[in-house]
């Protein structure tokens, strides 16, 4: 019973750490993409049809 509780706590801790890493990574990717899009807009590239999602 004690091992089951410890295993559950370890699983929760791993999940929390993984979520925190994923959030940090998503924020960094968002900042980089915002800078790239701002640079493209500043350079006059307003037609983004070369991107697969536009």
PDB file of N, CA and C in Angstrom:
ATOM      1  N   UNK A   1       0.839  -1.199   0.000  1.00  0.00           N
ATOM      2  CA  UNK A   1       0.000   0.000   0.000  1.00  0.00           C
ATOM      3  C   UNK A   1       0.876   1.251   0.000  1.00  0.00           C
ATOM      4  N   UNK A   2       1.942   1.210   0.818  1.00  0.00           N
ATOM      5  CA  UNK A   2       2.828   2.374   0.898  1.00  0.00           C
ATOM      6  C   UNK A   2       3.542   2.585  -0.433  1.00  0.00           C
ATOM      7  N   UNK A   3       3.962   1.478  -1.060  1.00  0.00           N
ATOM      8  CA  UNK A   3       4.636   1.596  -2.350  1.00  0.00           C
ATOM      9  C   UNK A   3       3.710   2.148  -3.423  1.00  0.00           C
ATOM     10  N   UNK A   4       2.441   1.784  -3.349  1.00  0.00           N
ATOM     11  CA  UNK A   4       1.469   2.296  -4.322  1.00  0.00           C
ATOM     12  C   UNK A   4       1.297   3.801  -4.167  1.00  0.00           C
ATOM     13  N   UNK A   5       1.234   4.276  -2.943  1.00  0.00           N
ATOM     14  CA  UNK A   5       1.108   5.712  -2.691  1.00  0.00           C
ATOM     15  C   UNK A   5       2.362   6.444  -3.164  1.00  0.00           C
ATOM     16  N   UNK A   6       3.529   5.875  -2.872  1.00  0.00           N
ATOM     17  CA  UNK A   6       4.773   6.502  -3.328  1.00  0.00           C
ATOM     18  C   UNK A   6       4.869   6.526  -4.849  1.00  0.00           C
ATOM     19  N   UNK A   7       4.428   5.456  -5.493  1.00  0.00           N
ATOM     20  CA  UNK A   7       4.428   5.420  -6.956  1.00  0.00           C
ATOM     21  C   UNK A   7       3.479   6.472  -7.519  1.00  0.00           C
ATOM     22  N   UNK A   8       2.347   6.644  -6.884  1.00  0.00           N
ATOM     23  CA  UNK A   8       1.393   7.670  -7.317  1.00  0.00           C
ATOM     24  C   UNK A   8       1.964   9.070  -7.162  1.00  0.00           C
ATOM     25  N   UNK A   9       2.629   9.311  -6.033  1.00  0.00           N
ATOM     26  CA  UNK A   9       3.244  10.621  -5.828  1.00  0.00           C
ATOM     27  C   UNK A   9       4.358  10.879  -6.843  1.00  0.00           C
ATOM     28  N   UNK A  10       5.132   9.856  -7.147  1.00  0.00           N
ATOM     29  CA  UNK A  10       6.197  10.006  -8.140  1.00  0.00           C
ATOM     30  C   UNK A  10       5.606  10.306  -9.516  1.00  0.00           C
ATOM     31  N   UNK A  11       4.515   9.658  -9.868  1.00  0.00           N
ATOM     32  CA  UNK A  11       3.876   9.899 -11.156  1.00  0.00           C
ATOM     33  C   UNK A  11       3.339  11.321 -11.241  1.00  0.00           C
ATOM     34  N   UNK A  12       2.747  11.803 -10.161  1.00  0.00           N
ATOM     35  CA  UNK A  12       2.241  13.172 -10.134  1.00  0.00           C
ATOM     36  C   UNK A  12       3.395  14.162 -10.256  1.00  0.00           C
ATOM     37  N   UNK A  13       4.492  13.906  -9.564  1.00  0.00           N
ATOM     38  CA  UNK A  13       5.646  14.803  -9.622  1.00  0.00           C
ATOM     39  C   UNK A  13       6.230  14.846 -11.034  1.00  0.00           C
ATOM     40  N   UNK A  14       6.337  13.696 -11.677  1.00  0.00           N
ATOM     41  CA  UNK A  14       6.860  13.653 -13.050  1.00  0.00           C
ATOM     42  C   UNK A  14       5.924  14.403 -13.989  1.00  0.00           C
ATOM     43  N   UNK A  15       4.621  14.240 -13.821  1.00  0.00           N
ATOM     44  CA  UNK A  15       3.657  14.937 -14.671  1.00  0.00           C
ATOM     45  C   UNK A  15       3.759  16.446 -14.492  1.00  0.00           C
ATOM     46  N   UNK A  16       3.895  16.895 -13.249  1.00  0.00           N
ATOM     47  CA  UNK A  16       4.003  18.333 -12.988  1.00  0.00           C
ATOM     48  C   UNK A  16       5.265  18.897 -13.624  1.00  0.00           C
ATOM     49  N   UNK A  17       6.377  18.203 -13.482  1.00  0.00           N
ATOM     50  CA  UNK A  17       7.624  18.672 -14.078  1.00  0.00           C
ATOM     51  C   UNK A  17       7.510  18.704 -15.604  1.00  0.00           C
ATOM     52  N   UNK A  18       6.912  17.683 -16.191  1.00  0.00           N
ATOM     53  CA  UNK A  18       6.759  17.644 -17.646  1.00  0.00           C
ATOM     54  C   UNK A  18       5.873  18.783 -18.138  1.00  0.00           C
ATOM     55  N   UNK A  19       4.814  19.086 -17.414  1.00  0.00           N
ATOM     56  CA  UNK A  19       3.925  20.180 -17.801  1.00  0.00           C
ATOM     57  C   UNK A  19       4.653  21.514 -17.710  1.00  0.00           C
ATOM     58  N   UNK A  20       5.456  21.702 -16.648  1.00  0.00           N
ATOM     59  CA  UNK A  20       6.202  22.956 -16.505  1.00  0.00           C
ATOM     60  C   UNK A  20       7.200  23.133 -17.637  1.00  0.00           C
ATOM     61  N   UNK A  21       7.876  22.053 -18.032  1.00  0.00           N
ATOM     62  CA  UNK A  21       8.830  22.131 -19.139  1.00  0.00           C
ATOM     63  C   UNK A  21       8.095  22.436 -20.442  1.00  0.00           C
ATOM     64  N   UNK A  22       6.943  21.808 -20.640  1.00  0.00           N
ATOM     65  CA  UNK A  22       6.174  22.038 -21.867  1.00  0.00           C
ATOM     66  C   UNK A  22       5.689  23.483 -21.944  1.00  0.00           C
ATOM     67  N   UNK A  23       5.283  24.056 -20.823  1.00  0.00           N
ATOM     68  CA  UNK A  23       4.830  25.449 -20.815  1.00  0.00           C
ATOM     69  C   UNK A  23       5.983  26.383 -21.154  1.00  0.00           C
ATOM     70  N   UNK A  24       7.153  26.151 -20.545  1.00  0.00           N
ATOM     71  CA  UNK A  24       8.312  26.994 -20.838  1.00  0.00           C
ATOM     72  C   UNK A  24       8.689  26.903 -22.315  1.00  0.00           C
ATOM     73  N   UNK A  25       8.658  25.684 -22.868  1.00  0.00           N
ATOM     74  CA  UNK A  25       8.998  25.502 -24.273  1.00  0.00           C
ATOM     75  C   UNK A  25       7.983  26.199 -25.174  1.00  0.00           C
ATOM     76  N   UNK A  26       6.714  26.107 -24.842  1.00  0.00           N
ATOM     77  CA  UNK A  26       5.675  26.749 -25.646  1.00  0.00           C
ATOM     78  C   UNK A  26       5.822  28.269 -25.621  1.00  0.00           C
ATOM     79  N   UNK A  27       6.178  28.818 -24.475  1.00  0.00           N
ATOM     80  CA  UNK A  27       6.373  30.266 -24.384  1.00  0.00           C
ATOM     81  C   UNK A  27       7.557  30.692 -25.246  1.00  0.00           C
ATOM     82  N   UNK A  28       8.647  29.923 -25.196  1.00  0.00           N
ATOM     83  CA  UNK A  28       9.829  30.276 -26.006  1.00  0.00           C
ATOM     84  C   UNK A  28       9.526  30.174 -27.494  1.00  0.00           C
ATOM     85  N   UNK A  29       8.816  29.134 -27.900  1.00  0.00           N
ATOM     86  CA  UNK A  29       8.457  28.988 -29.310  1.00  0.00           C
ATOM     87  C   UNK A  29       7.546  30.131 -29.743  1.00  0.00           C
ATOM     88  N   UNK A  30       6.625  30.517 -28.894  1.00  0.00           N
ATOM     89  CA  UNK A  30       5.733  31.633 -29.213  1.00  0.00           C
ATOM     90  C   UNK A  30       6.478  32.943 -29.369  1.00  0.00           C
ATOM     91  N   UNK A  31       7.438  33.188 -28.488  1.00  0.00           N
ATOM     92  CA  UNK A  31       8.223  34.423 -28.590  1.00  0.00           C
ATOM     93  C   UNK A  31       9.043  34.425 -29.869  1.00  0.00           C
ATOM     94  N   UNK A  32       9.682  33.301 -30.176  1.00  0.00           N
ATOM     95  CA  UNK A  32      10.493  33.225 -31.400  1.00  0.00           C
ATOM     96  C   UNK A  32       9.624  33.415 -32.629  1.00  0.00           C
ATOM     97  N   UNK A  33       8.463  32.787 -32.666  1.00  0.00           N
ATOM     98  CA  UNK A  33       7.600  32.932 -33.840  1.00  0.00           C
ATOM     99  C   UNK A  33       7.077  34.361 -33.965  1.00  0.00           C
ATOM    100  N   UNK A  34       6.801  35.018 -32.854  1.00  0.00           N
ATOM    101  CA  UNK A  34       6.361  36.415 -32.911  1.00  0.00           C
ATOM    102  C   UNK A  34       7.470  37.306 -33.461  1.00  0.00           C
ATOM    103  N   UNK A  35       8.707  37.068 -33.043  1.00  0.00           N
ATOM    104  CA  UNK A  35       9.829  37.864 -33.545  1.00  0.00           C
ATOM    105  C   UNK A  35      10.033  37.615 -35.034  1.00  0.00           C
ATOM    106  N   UNK A  36       9.940  36.355 -35.460  1.00  0.00           N
ATOM    107  CA  UNK A  36      10.116  36.040 -36.880  1.00  0.00           C
ATOM    108  C   UNK A  36       9.015  36.677 -37.718  1.00  0.00           C
ATOM    109  N   UNK A  37       7.771  36.574 -37.269  1.00  0.00           N
ATOM    110  CA  UNK A  37       6.677  37.180 -38.019  1.00  0.00           C
ATOM    111  C   UNK A  37       6.789  38.703 -38.047  1.00  0.00           C
ATOM    112  N   UNK A  38       7.229  39.308 -36.948  1.00  0.00           N
ATOM    113  CA  UNK A  38       7.437  40.762 -36.934  1.00  0.00           C
ATOM    114  C   UNK A  38       8.550  41.149 -37.901  1.00  0.00           C
ATOM    115  N   UNK A  39       9.592  40.330 -37.960  1.00  0.00           N
ATOM    116  CA  UNK A  39      10.676  40.600 -38.903  1.00  0.00           C
ATOM    117  C   UNK A  39      10.211  40.485 -40.347  1.00  0.00           C
ATOM    118  N   UNK A  40       9.411  39.464 -40.637  1.00  0.00           N
ATOM    119  CA  UNK A  40       8.877  39.325 -41.992  1.00  0.00           C
ATOM    120  C   UNK A  40       7.980  40.502 -42.351  1.00  0.00           C
ATOM    121  N   UNK A  41       7.163  40.933 -41.409  1.00  0.00           N
ATOM    122  CA  UNK A  41       6.277  42.064 -41.667  1.00  0.00           C
ATOM    123  C   UNK A  41       7.089  43.342 -41.885  1.00  0.00           C
ATOM    124  N   UNK A  42       8.143  43.516 -41.089  1.00  0.00           N
ATOM    125  CA  UNK A  42       8.995  44.694 -41.240  1.00  0.00           C
ATOM    126  C   UNK A  42       9.723  44.672 -42.587  1.00  0.00           C
ATOM    127  N   UNK A  43      10.116  43.490 -43.034  1.00  0.00           N
ATOM    128  CA  UNK A  43      10.806  43.365 -44.317  1.00  0.00           C
ATOM    129  C   UNK A  43       9.849  43.497 -45.502  1.00  0.00           C
ATOM    130  N   UNK A  44       8.571  43.587 -45.226  1.00  0.00           N
ATOM    131  CA  UNK A  44       7.599  43.770 -46.294  1.00  0.00           C
ATOM    132  C   UNK A  44       7.008  42.486 -46.828  1.00  0.00           C
ATOM    133  N   UNK A  45       7.288  41.374 -46.167  1.00  0.00           N
ATOM    134  CA  UNK A  45       6.718  40.096 -46.602  1.00  0.00           C
ATOM    135  C   UNK A  45       5.371  39.937 -45.903  1.00  0.00           C
ATOM    136  N   UNK A  46       4.325  40.380 -46.591  1.00  0.00           N
ATOM    137  CA  UNK A  46       2.992  40.280 -45.984  1.00  0.00           C
ATOM    138  C   UNK A  46       2.199  39.111 -46.557  1.00  0.00           C
ATOM    139  N   UNK A  47       2.685  38.536 -47.655  1.00  0.00           N
ATOM    140  CA  UNK A  47       2.012  37.379 -48.236  1.00  0.00           C
ATOM    141  C   UNK A  47       2.632  36.122 -47.648  1.00  0.00           C
ATOM    142  N   UNK A  48       1.951  35.533 -46.693  1.00  0.00           N
ATOM    143  CA  UNK A  48       2.481  34.356 -45.994  1.00  0.00           C
ATOM    144  C   UNK A  48       1.900  33.061 -46.530  1.00  0.00           C
ATOM    145  N   UNK A  49       1.532  33.065 -47.825  1.00  0.00           N
ATOM    146  CA  UNK A  49       0.933  31.863 -48.392  1.00  0.00           C
ATOM    147  C   UNK A  49       1.950  30.742 -48.555  1.00  0.00           C
ATOM    148  N   UNK A  50       3.242  31.047 -48.411  1.00  0.00           N
ATOM    149  CA  UNK A  50       4.246  29.976 -48.494  1.00  0.00           C
ATOM    150  C   UNK A  50       4.265  29.115 -47.243  1.00  0.00           C
ATOM    151  N   UNK A  51       3.645  29.588 -46.180  1.00  0.00           N
ATOM    152  CA  UNK A  51       3.548  28.797 -44.972  1.00  0.00           C
ATOM    153  C   UNK A  51       2.399  27.804 -45.116  1.00  0.00           C
ATOM    154  N   UNK A  52       2.543  26.621 -44.551  1.00  0.00           N
ATOM    155  CA  UNK A  52       1.506  25.600 -44.773  1.00  0.00           C
ATOM    156  C   UNK A  52       0.184  25.878 -44.072  1.00  0.00           C
ATOM    157  N   UNK A  53       0.167  26.753 -43.072  1.00  0.00           N
ATOM    158  CA  UNK A  53      -1.068  26.979 -42.321  1.00  0.00           C
ATOM    159  C   UNK A  53      -1.716  28.313 -42.645  1.00  0.00           C
ATOM    160  N   UNK A  54      -1.242  29.017 -43.656  1.00  0.00           N
ATOM    161  CA  UNK A  54      -1.879  30.279 -44.071  1.00  0.00           C
ATOM    162  C   UNK A  54      -2.507  30.108 -45.438  1.00  0.00           C
TER     163      UNK A  54
END
